[in-house]
């Protein structure tokens, strides 16, 4: 079994909870994270100021937030394939948080 390896080259904030991401293979992807920002780790990113504190970790070439939240670049690269499962998983966290 193989796992695709991607690196994030750069990103910019496109809108609230939305990042435009450039990958090392040239793919440009715009992702709205708002539907999955629940739970003890990702829920903190619902604060737009905190969300906007995202940075590119130069060692692992992925997006990271000051609380340690991050996403595997392959998951972001293939966002459409992973989105439904992420929403399903985080919907359980939303229920527990009463959001």
PDB file of N, CA and C in Angstrom:
ATOM      1  N   UNK A   1       0.846  -1.179   0.000  1.00  0.00           N
ATOM      2  CA  UNK A   1       0.000   0.000   0.000  1.00  0.00           C
ATOM      3  C   UNK A   1       0.893   1.246   0.000  1.00  0.00           C
ATOM      4  N   UNK A   2       0.559   2.180  -0.842  1.00  0.00           N
ATOM      5  CA  UNK A   2       1.346   3.407  -0.912  1.00  0.00           C
ATOM      6  C   UNK A   2       0.526   4.578  -0.412  1.00  0.00           C
ATOM      7  N   UNK A   3       1.225   5.550   0.082  1.00  0.00           N
ATOM      8  CA  UNK A   3       0.602   6.776   0.566  1.00  0.00           C
ATOM      9  C   UNK A   3       1.248   7.927  -0.186  1.00  0.00           C
ATOM     10  N   UNK A   4       0.420   8.675  -0.890  1.00  0.00           N
ATOM     11  CA  UNK A   4       0.949   9.809  -1.635  1.00  0.00           C
ATOM     12  C   UNK A   4       1.539  10.823  -0.672  1.00  0.00           C
ATOM     13  N   UNK A   5       2.643  11.410  -1.063  1.00  0.00           N
ATOM     14  CA  UNK A   5       3.291  12.419  -0.241  1.00  0.00           C
ATOM     15  C   UNK A   5       3.232  13.740  -0.998  1.00  0.00           C
ATOM     16  N   UNK A   6       2.654  14.719  -0.372  1.00  0.00           N
ATOM     17  CA  UNK A   6       2.581  16.059  -0.943  1.00  0.00           C
ATOM     18  C   UNK A   6       3.155  17.039   0.062  1.00  0.00           C
ATOM     19  N   UNK A   7       3.634  18.140  -0.449  1.00  0.00           N
ATOM     20  CA  UNK A   7       4.106  19.225   0.398  1.00  0.00           C
ATOM     21  C   UNK A   7       3.340  20.476   0.016  1.00  0.00           C
ATOM     22  N   UNK A   8       3.056  21.283   1.005  1.00  0.00           N
ATOM     23  CA  UNK A   8       2.423  22.569   0.742  1.00  0.00           C
ATOM     24  C   UNK A   8       3.547  23.574   0.531  1.00  0.00           C
ATOM     25  N   UNK A   9       3.489  24.267  -0.584  1.00  0.00           N
ATOM     26  CA  UNK A   9       4.513  25.251  -0.924  1.00  0.00           C
ATOM     27  C   UNK A   9       4.168  26.628  -0.371  1.00  0.00           C
ATOM     28  N   UNK A  10       2.865  26.983  -0.419  1.00  0.00           N
ATOM     29  CA  UNK A  10       2.436  28.291   0.069  1.00  0.00           C
ATOM     30  C   UNK A  10       0.929  28.276   0.277  1.00  0.00           C
ATOM     31  N   UNK A  11       0.448  29.303   0.929  1.00  0.00           N
ATOM     32  CA  UNK A  11      -0.989  29.436   1.146  1.00  0.00           C
ATOM     33  C   UNK A  11      -1.311  30.905   1.357  1.00  0.00           C
ATOM     34  N   UNK A  12      -2.597  31.224   1.230  1.00  0.00           N
ATOM     35  CA  UNK A  12      -3.083  32.552   1.583  1.00  0.00           C
ATOM     36  C   UNK A  12      -4.493  32.407   2.145  1.00  0.00           C
ATOM     37  N   UNK A  13      -4.874  33.375   2.952  1.00  0.00           N
ATOM     38  CA  UNK A  13      -6.222  33.386   3.512  1.00  0.00           C
ATOM     39  C   UNK A  13      -7.128  34.003   2.455  1.00  0.00           C
ATOM     40  N   UNK A  14      -8.129  33.235   2.015  1.00  0.00           N
ATOM     41  CA  UNK A  14      -9.017  33.670   0.939  1.00  0.00           C
ATOM     42  C   UNK A  14     -10.304  34.294   1.470  1.00  0.00           C
ATOM     43  N   UNK A  15     -10.775  33.825   2.624  1.00  0.00           N
ATOM     44  CA  UNK A  15     -12.017  34.303   3.246  1.00  0.00           C
ATOM     45  C   UNK A  15     -12.063  33.690   4.642  1.00  0.00           C
ATOM     46  N   UNK A  16     -13.142  33.960   5.363  1.00  0.00           N
ATOM     47  CA  UNK A  16     -13.285  33.379   6.703  1.00  0.00           C
ATOM     48  C   UNK A  16     -13.231  31.854   6.607  1.00  0.00           C
ATOM     49  N   UNK A  17     -12.349  31.262   7.372  1.00  0.00           N
ATOM     50  CA  UNK A  17     -12.162  29.806   7.448  1.00  0.00           C
ATOM     51  C   UNK A  17     -11.731  29.181   6.127  1.00  0.00           C
ATOM     52  N   UNK A  18     -11.278  29.975   5.182  1.00  0.00           N
ATOM     53  CA  UNK A  18     -10.964  29.484   3.846  1.00  0.00           C
ATOM     54  C   UNK A  18      -9.526  29.824   3.476  1.00  0.00           C
ATOM     55  N   UNK A  19      -8.811  28.798   3.038  1.00  0.00           N
ATOM     56  CA  UNK A  19      -7.426  28.971   2.619  1.00  0.00           C
ATOM     57  C   UNK A  19      -7.261  28.553   1.164  1.00  0.00           C
ATOM     58  N   UNK A  20      -6.425  29.289   0.466  1.00  0.00           N
ATOM     59  CA  UNK A  20      -6.006  28.918  -0.869  1.00  0.00           C
ATOM     60  C   UNK A  20      -4.612  28.316  -0.720  1.00  0.00           C
ATOM     61  N   UNK A  21      -4.455  27.079  -1.147  1.00  0.00           N
ATOM     62  CA  UNK A  21      -3.242  26.307  -0.879  1.00  0.00           C
ATOM     63  C   UNK A  21      -2.580  25.894  -2.185  1.00  0.00           C
ATOM     64  N   UNK A  22      -1.262  26.073  -2.263  1.00  0.00           N
ATOM     65  CA  UNK A  22      -0.484  25.643  -3.425  1.00  0.00           C
ATOM     66  C   UNK A  22       0.380  24.457  -2.990  1.00  0.00           C
ATOM     67  N   UNK A  23       0.261  23.354  -3.732  1.00  0.00           N
ATOM     68  CA  UNK A  23       1.005  22.136  -3.438  1.00  0.00           C
ATOM     69  C   UNK A  23       2.234  22.017  -4.340  1.00  0.00           C
ATOM     70  N   UNK A  24       3.146  21.152  -3.945  1.00  0.00           N
ATOM     71  CA  UNK A  24       4.396  20.993  -4.685  1.00  0.00           C
ATOM     72  C   UNK A  24       4.210  20.427  -6.091  1.00  0.00           C
ATOM     73  N   UNK A  25       3.067  19.828  -6.382  1.00  0.00           N
ATOM     74  CA  UNK A  25       2.820  19.331  -7.743  1.00  0.00           C
ATOM     75  C   UNK A  25       2.099  20.374  -8.607  1.00  0.00           C
ATOM     76  N   UNK A  26       1.957  21.605  -8.066  1.00  0.00           N
ATOM     77  CA  UNK A  26       1.343  22.694  -8.807  1.00  0.00           C
ATOM     78  C   UNK A  26      -0.146  22.856  -8.595  1.00  0.00           C
ATOM     79  N   UNK A  27      -0.778  21.911  -7.906  1.00  0.00           N
ATOM     80  CA  UNK A  27      -2.216  22.008  -7.657  1.00  0.00           C
ATOM     81  C   UNK A  27      -2.517  23.205  -6.765  1.00  0.00           C
ATOM     82  N   UNK A  28      -3.528  23.962  -7.138  1.00  0.00           N
ATOM     83  CA  UNK A  28      -4.029  25.074  -6.336  1.00  0.00           C
ATOM     84  C   UNK A  28      -5.413  24.678  -5.846  1.00  0.00           C
ATOM     85  N   UNK A  29      -5.600  24.677  -4.539  1.00  0.00           N
ATOM     86  CA  UNK A  29      -6.865  24.232  -3.959  1.00  0.00           C
ATOM     87  C   UNK A  29      -7.366  25.291  -2.989  1.00  0.00           C
ATOM     88  N   UNK A  30      -8.659  25.614  -3.065  1.00  0.00           N
ATOM     89  CA  UNK A  30      -9.293  26.510  -2.105  1.00  0.00           C
ATOM     90  C   UNK A  30     -10.189  25.665  -1.214  1.00  0.00           C
ATOM     91  N   UNK A  31      -9.937  25.722   0.105  1.00  0.00           N
ATOM     92  CA  UNK A  31     -10.656  24.870   1.055  1.00  0.00           C
ATOM     93  C   UNK A  31     -11.310  25.735   2.127  1.00  0.00           C
ATOM     94  N   UNK A  32     -12.606  25.512   2.317  1.00  0.00           N
ATOM     95  CA  UNK A  32     -13.344  26.122   3.421  1.00  0.00           C
ATOM     96  C   UNK A  32     -13.390  25.088   4.552  1.00  0.00           C
ATOM     97  N   UNK A  33     -12.714  25.372   5.648  1.00  0.00           N
ATOM     98  CA  UNK A  33     -12.614  24.445   6.771  1.00  0.00           C
ATOM     99  C   UNK A  33     -13.791  24.532   7.742  1.00  0.00           C
ATOM    100  N   UNK A  34     -14.632  25.542   7.609  1.00  0.00           N
ATOM    101  CA  UNK A  34     -15.681  25.810   8.593  1.00  0.00           C
ATOM    102  C   UNK A  34     -16.545  24.594   8.932  1.00  0.00           C
ATOM    103  N   UNK A  35     -16.950  23.753   7.967  1.00  0.00           N
ATOM    104  CA  UNK A  35     -17.825  22.624   8.307  1.00  0.00           C
ATOM    105  C   UNK A  35     -17.209  21.589   9.245  1.00  0.00           C
ATOM    106  N   UNK A  36     -15.900  21.611   9.436  1.00  0.00           N
ATOM    107  CA  UNK A  36     -15.269  20.582  10.277  1.00  0.00           C
ATOM    108  C   UNK A  36     -14.591  21.150  11.517  1.00  0.00           C
ATOM    109  N   UNK A  37     -14.812  22.400  11.825  1.00  0.00           N
ATOM    110  CA  UNK A  37     -14.123  23.019  12.965  1.00  0.00           C
ATOM    111  C   UNK A  37     -14.890  22.790  14.263  1.00  0.00           C
ATOM    112  N   UNK A  38     -14.787  21.566  14.756  1.00  0.00           N
ATOM    113  CA  UNK A  38     -15.426  21.168  16.011  1.00  0.00           C
ATOM    114  C   UNK A  38     -14.456  20.305  16.794  1.00  0.00           C
ATOM    115  N   UNK A  39     -14.757  20.096  18.046  1.00  0.00           N
ATOM    116  CA  UNK A  39     -13.919  19.268  18.893  1.00  0.00           C
ATOM    117  C   UNK A  39     -12.910  20.095  19.664  1.00  0.00           C
ATOM    118  N   UNK A  40     -12.211  19.433  20.550  1.00  0.00           N
ATOM    119  CA  UNK A  40     -11.290  20.147  21.437  1.00  0.00           C
ATOM    120  C   UNK A  40     -10.099  20.743  20.694  1.00  0.00           C
ATOM    121  N   UNK A  41      -9.670  20.147  19.606  1.00  0.00           N
ATOM    122  CA  UNK A  41      -8.523  20.659  18.863  1.00  0.00           C
ATOM    123  C   UNK A  41      -8.943  21.634  17.767  1.00  0.00           C
ATOM    124  N   UNK A  42      -9.828  21.195  16.896  1.00  0.00           N
ATOM    125  CA  UNK A  42     -10.213  22.023  15.749  1.00  0.00           C
ATOM    126  C   UNK A  42     -11.266  23.069  16.085  1.00  0.00           C
ATOM    127  N   UNK A  43     -12.012  22.876  17.165  1.00  0.00           N
ATOM    128  CA  UNK A  43     -13.029  23.849  17.567  1.00  0.00           C
ATOM    129  C   UNK A  43     -12.446  25.219  17.874  1.00  0.00           C
ATOM    130  N   UNK A  44     -11.223  25.255  18.349  1.00  0.00           N
ATOM    131  CA  UNK A  44     -10.563  26.530  18.653  1.00  0.00           C
ATOM    132  C   UNK A  44     -10.363  27.378  17.397  1.00  0.00           C
ATOM    133  N   UNK A  45     -10.332  26.727  16.247  1.00  0.00           N
ATOM    134  CA  UNK A  45     -10.127  27.435  14.990  1.00  0.00           C
ATOM    135  C   UNK A  45     -11.379  28.188  14.534  1.00  0.00           C
ATOM    136  N   UNK A  46     -12.507  28.014  15.235  1.00  0.00           N
ATOM    137  CA  UNK A  46     -13.722  28.763  14.907  1.00  0.00           C
ATOM    138  C   UNK A  46     -13.551  30.249  15.239  1.00  0.00           C
ATOM    139  N   UNK A  47     -12.621  30.578  16.094  1.00  0.00           N
ATOM    140  CA  UNK A  47     -12.270  31.979  16.342  1.00  0.00           C
ATOM    141  C   UNK A  47     -11.462  32.422  15.119  1.00  0.00           C
ATOM    142  N   UNK A  48     -12.007  33.358  14.336  1.00  0.00           N
ATOM    143  CA  UNK A  48     -11.353  33.722  13.071  1.00  0.00           C
ATOM    144  C   UNK A  48      -9.947  34.280  13.271  1.00  0.00           C
ATOM    145  N   UNK A  49      -9.733  35.014  14.347  1.00  0.00           N
ATOM    146  CA  UNK A  49      -8.373  35.505  14.602  1.00  0.00           C
ATOM    147  C   UNK A  49      -7.409  34.342  14.817  1.00  0.00           C
ATOM    148  N   UNK A  50      -7.862  33.339  15.560  1.00  0.00           N
ATOM    149  CA  UNK A  50      -7.022  32.168  15.795  1.00  0.00           C
ATOM    150  C   UNK A  50      -6.833  31.386  14.492  1.00  0.00           C
ATOM    151  N   UNK A  51      -7.911  31.205  13.730  1.00  0.00           N
ATOM    152  CA  UNK A  51      -7.799  30.512  12.447  1.00  0.00           C
ATOM    153  C   UNK A  51      -6.754  31.194  11.569  1.00  0.00           C
ATOM    154  N   UNK A  52      -6.778  32.514  11.556  1.00  0.00           N
ATOM    155  CA  UNK A  52      -5.864  33.278  10.706  1.00  0.00           C
ATOM    156  C   UNK A  52      -4.424  33.272  11.200  1.00  0.00           C
ATOM    157  N   UNK A  53      -4.163  32.651  12.351  1.00  0.00           N
ATOM    158  CA  UNK A  53      -2.796  32.546  12.855  1.00  0.00           C
ATOM    159  C   UNK A  53      -2.075  31.319  12.278  1.00  0.00           C
ATOM    160  N   UNK A  54      -2.688  30.673  11.315  1.00  0.00           N
ATOM    161  CA  UNK A  54      -2.106  29.507  10.645  1.00  0.00           C
ATOM    162  C   UNK A  54      -0.753  29.873  10.035  1.00  0.00           C
ATOM    163  N   UNK A  55       0.146  28.910  10.023  1.00  0.00           N
ATOM    164  CA  UNK A  55       1.445  29.123   9.395  1.00  0.00           C
ATOM    165  C   UNK A  55       1.896  27.841   8.708  1.00  0.00           C
ATOM    166  N   UNK A  56       2.851  27.983   7.832  1.00  0.00           N
ATOM    167  CA  UNK A  56       3.405  26.848   7.114  1.00  0.00           C
ATOM    168  C   UNK A  56       4.629  26.340   7.869  1.00  0.00           C
ATOM    169  N   UNK A  57       4.566  25.106   8.349  1.00  0.00           N
ATOM    170  CA  UNK A  57       5.696  24.504   9.039  1.00  0.00           C
ATOM    171  C   UNK A  57       6.736  24.127   7.976  1.00  0.00           C
ATOM    172  N   UNK A  58       7.918  24.739   8.019  1.00  0.00           N
ATOM    173  CA  UNK A  58       8.909  24.496   6.967  1.00  0.00           C
ATOM    174  C   UNK A  58       9.509  23.088   7.004  1.00  0.00           C
ATOM    175  N   UNK A  59       9.444  22.436   8.143  1.00  0.00           N
ATOM    176  CA  UNK A  59      10.041  21.104   8.251  1.00  0.00           C
ATOM    177  C   UNK A  59       9.146  20.031   7.636  1.00  0.00           C
ATOM    178  N   UNK A  60       7.850  20.069   7.939  1.00  0.00           N
ATOM    179  CA  UNK A  60       6.940  19.038   7.438  1.00  0.00           C
ATOM    180  C   UNK A  60       6.068  19.525   6.289  1.00  0.00           C
ATOM    181  N   UNK A  61       6.195  20.802   5.941  1.00  0.00           N
ATOM    182  CA  UNK A  61       5.505  21.398   4.782  1.00  0.00           C
ATOM    183  C   UNK A  61       3.993  21.209   4.838  1.00  0.00           C
ATOM    184  N   UNK A  62       3.423  21.501   6.003  1.00  0.00           N
ATOM    185  CA  UNK A  62       1.976  21.489   6.141  1.00  0.00           C
ATOM    186  C   UNK A  62       1.539  22.694   6.943  1.00  0.00           C
ATOM    187  N   UNK A  63       0.226  22.922   6.967  1.00  0.00           N
ATOM    188  CA  UNK A  63      -0.342  24.041   7.715  1.00  0.00           C
ATOM    189  C   UNK A  63      -0.519  23.656   9.167  1.00  0.00           C
ATOM    190  N   UNK A  64      -0.158  24.572  10.067  1.00  0.00           N
ATOM    191  CA  UNK A  64      -0.212  24.307  11.502  1.00  0.00           C
ATOM    192  C   UNK A  64      -0.769  25.546  12.199  1.00  0.00           C
ATOM    193  N   UNK A  65      -1.515  25.307  13.272  1.00  0.00           N
ATOM    194  CA  UNK A  65      -2.011  26.390  14.111  1.00  0.00           C
ATOM    195  C   UNK A  65      -1.291  26.344  15.452  1.00  0.00           C
ATOM    196  N   UNK A  66      -1.270  27.452  16.187  1.00  0.00           N
ATOM    197  CA  UNK A  66      -0.520  27.514  17.447  1.00  0.00           C
ATOM    198  C   UNK A  66      -0.924  26.466  18.491  1.00  0.00           C
ATOM    199  N   UNK A  67      -2.143  25.923  18.412  1.00  0.00           N
ATOM    200  CA  UNK A  67      -2.550  24.909  19.385  1.00  0.00           C
ATOM    201  C   UNK A  67      -2.152  23.498  18.962  1.00  0.00           C
ATOM    202  N   UNK A  68      -1.422  23.365  17.849  1.00  0.00           N
ATOM    203  CA  UNK A  68      -0.977  22.060  17.383  1.00  0.00           C
ATOM    204  C   UNK A  68      -1.883  21.438  16.332  1.00  0.00           C
ATOM    205  N   UNK A  69      -3.005  22.059  16.032  1.00  0.00           N
ATOM    206  CA  UNK A  69      -3.890  21.533  14.989  1.00  0.00           C
ATOM    207  C   UNK A  69      -3.164  21.579  13.650  1.00  0.00           C
ATOM    208  N   UNK A  70      -3.308  20.511  12.884  1.00  0.00           N
ATOM    209  CA  UNK A  70      -2.746  20.469  11.544  1.00  0.00           C
ATOM    210  C   UNK A  70      -3.513  19.440  10.730  1.00  0.00           C
ATOM    211  N   UNK A  71      -3.194  19.382   9.446  1.00  0.00           N
ATOM    212  CA  UNK A  71      -3.815  18.418   8.544  1.00  0.00           C
ATOM    213  C   UNK A  71      -2.720  17.831   7.665  1.00  0.00           C
ATOM    214  N   UNK A  72      -2.812  16.540   7.399  1.00  0.00           N
ATOM    215  CA  UNK A  72      -1.880  15.887   6.487  1.00  0.00           C
ATOM    216  C   UNK A  72      -2.032  16.536   5.113  1.00  0.00           C
ATOM    217  N   UNK A  73      -0.935  16.927   4.470  1.00  0.00           N
ATOM    218  CA  UNK A  73      -1.045  17.534   3.137  1.00  0.00           C
ATOM    219  C   UNK A  73      -1.780  16.650   2.122  1.00  0.00           C
ATOM    220  N   UNK A  74      -1.649  15.331   2.222  1.00  0.00           N
ATOM    221  CA  UNK A  74      -2.359  14.437   1.297  1.00  0.00           C
ATOM    222  C   UNK A  74      -3.867  14.545   1.502  1.00  0.00           C
ATOM    223  N   UNK A  75      -4.313  14.681   2.738  1.00  0.00           N
ATOM    224  CA  UNK A  75      -5.732  14.860   3.016  1.00  0.00           C
ATOM    225  C   UNK A  75      -6.228  16.153   2.378  1.00  0.00           C
ATOM    226  N   UNK A  76      -5.449  17.218   2.494  1.00  0.00           N
ATOM    227  CA  UNK A  76      -5.836  18.497   1.901  1.00  0.00           C
ATOM    228  C   UNK A  76      -5.789  18.429   0.375  1.00  0.00           C
ATOM    229  N   UNK A  77      -4.777  17.784  -0.160  1.00  0.00           N
ATOM    230  CA  UNK A  77      -4.627  17.645  -1.606  1.00  0.00           C
ATOM    231  C   UNK A  77      -5.841  16.924  -2.202  1.00  0.00           C
ATOM    232  N   UNK A  78      -6.328  15.926  -1.501  1.00  0.00           N
ATOM    233  CA  UNK A  78      -7.461  15.116  -1.964  1.00  0.00           C
ATOM    234  C   UNK A  78      -8.721  15.428  -1.155  1.00  0.00           C
ATOM    235  N   UNK A  79      -8.918  16.689  -0.844  1.00  0.00           N
ATOM    236  CA  UNK A  79      -9.994  17.151   0.042  1.00  0.00           C
ATOM    237  C   UNK A  79     -11.358  16.600  -0.358  1.00  0.00           C
ATOM    238  N   UNK A  80     -11.681  16.635  -1.630  1.00  0.00           N
ATOM    239  CA  UNK A  80     -13.003  16.189  -2.076  1.00  0.00           C
ATOM    240  C   UNK A  80     -13.241  14.719  -1.737  1.00  0.00           C
ATOM    241  N   UNK A  81     -12.205  13.913  -1.779  1.00  0.00           N
ATOM    242  CA  UNK A  81     -12.333  12.491  -1.462  1.00  0.00           C
ATOM    243  C   UNK A  81     -12.505  12.248   0.034  1.00  0.00           C
ATOM    244  N   UNK A  82     -12.051  13.175   0.853  1.00  0.00           N
ATOM    245  CA  UNK A  82     -12.052  13.001   2.307  1.00  0.00           C
ATOM    246  C   UNK A  82     -13.141  13.799   3.026  1.00  0.00           C
ATOM    247  N   UNK A  83     -13.738  14.756   2.343  1.00  0.00           N
ATOM    248  CA  UNK A  83     -14.627  15.722   2.984  1.00  0.00           C
ATOM    249  C   UNK A  83     -15.810  15.065   3.703  1.00  0.00           C
ATOM    250  N   UNK A  84     -16.522  14.162   3.065  1.00  0.00           N
ATOM    251  CA  UNK A  84     -17.709  13.542   3.675  1.00  0.00           C
ATOM    252  C   UNK A  84     -17.350  12.815   4.976  1.00  0.00           C
ATOM    253  N   UNK A  85     -16.247  12.084   4.969  1.00  0.00           N
ATOM    254  CA  UNK A  85     -15.829  11.363   6.182  1.00  0.00           C
ATOM    255  C   UNK A  85     -15.440  12.335   7.288  1.00  0.00           C
ATOM    256  N   UNK A  86     -14.787  13.436   6.932  1.00  0.00           N
ATOM    257  CA  UNK A  86     -14.416  14.438   7.939  1.00  0.00           C
ATOM    258  C   UNK A  86     -15.652  15.085   8.555  1.00  0.00           C
ATOM    259  N   UNK A  87     -16.622  15.419   7.728  1.00  0.00           N
ATOM    260  CA  UNK A  87     -17.852  16.030   8.242  1.00  0.00           C
ATOM    261  C   UNK A  87     -18.582  15.048   9.162  1.00  0.00           C
ATOM    262  N   UNK A  88     -18.642  13.792   8.763  1.00  0.00           N
ATOM    263  CA  UNK A  88     -19.302  12.779   9.598  1.00  0.00           C
ATOM    264  C   UNK A  88     -18.602  12.646  10.947  1.00  0.00           C
ATOM    265  N   UNK A  89     -17.287  12.573  10.925  1.00  0.00           N
ATOM    266  CA  UNK A  89     -16.523  12.420  12.168  1.00  0.00           C
ATOM    267  C   UNK A  89     -16.687  13.643  13.076  1.00  0.00           C
ATOM    268  N   UNK A  90     -16.541  14.823  12.505  1.00  0.00           N
ATOM    269  CA  UNK A  90     -16.600  16.030  13.334  1.00  0.00           C
ATOM    270  C   UNK A  90     -18.014  16.367  13.766  1.00  0.00           C
ATOM    271  N   UNK A  91     -19.028  15.830  13.070  1.00  0.00           N
ATOM    272  CA  UNK A  91     -20.408  16.078  13.513  1.00  0.00           C
ATOM    273  C   UNK A  91     -20.638  15.458  14.891  1.00  0.00           C
ATOM    274  N   UNK A  92     -19.946  14.382  15.201  1.00  0.00           N
ATOM    275  CA  UNK A  92     -20.040  13.778  16.528  1.00  0.00           C
ATOM    276  C   UNK A  92     -19.438  14.700  17.570  1.00  0.00           C
ATOM    277  N   UNK A  93     -18.350  15.377  17.221  1.00  0.00           N
ATOM    278  CA  UNK A  93     -17.722  16.310  18.154  1.00  0.00           C
ATOM    279  C   UNK A  93     -18.629  17.518  18.374  1.00  0.00           C
ATOM    280  N   UNK A  94     -19.344  17.929  17.327  1.00  0.00           N
ATOM    281  CA  UNK A  94     -20.261  19.067  17.444  1.00  0.00           C
ATOM    282  C   UNK A  94     -21.378  18.734  18.416  1.00  0.00           C
ATOM    283  N   UNK A  95     -21.891  17.515  18.361  1.00  0.00           N
ATOM    284  CA  UNK A  95     -22.959  17.079  19.270  1.00  0.00           C
ATOM    285  C   UNK A  95     -22.497  17.159  20.719  1.00  0.00           C
ATOM    286  N   UNK A  96     -21.282  16.695  20.983  1.00  0.00           N
ATOM    287  CA  UNK A  96     -20.758  16.720  22.344  1.00  0.00           C
ATOM    288  C   UNK A  96     -20.517  18.136  22.842  1.00  0.00           C
ATOM    289  N   UNK A  97     -20.181  19.035  21.911  1.00  0.00           N
ATOM    290  CA  UNK A  97     -19.882  20.410  22.288  1.00  0.00           C
ATOM    291  C   UNK A  97     -21.131  21.267  22.378  1.00  0.00           C
ATOM    292  N   UNK A  98     -22.300  20.695  21.981  1.00  0.00           N
ATOM    293  CA  UNK A  98     -23.560  21.442  21.977  1.00  0.00           C
ATOM    294  C   UNK A  98     -23.469  22.710  21.132  1.00  0.00           C
ATOM    295  N   UNK A  99     -22.827  22.586  19.986  1.00  0.00           N
ATOM    296  CA  UNK A  99     -22.695  23.726  19.079  1.00  0.00           C
ATOM    297  C   UNK A  99     -23.730  23.610  17.995  1.00  0.00           C
TER     298      UNK A  99
END
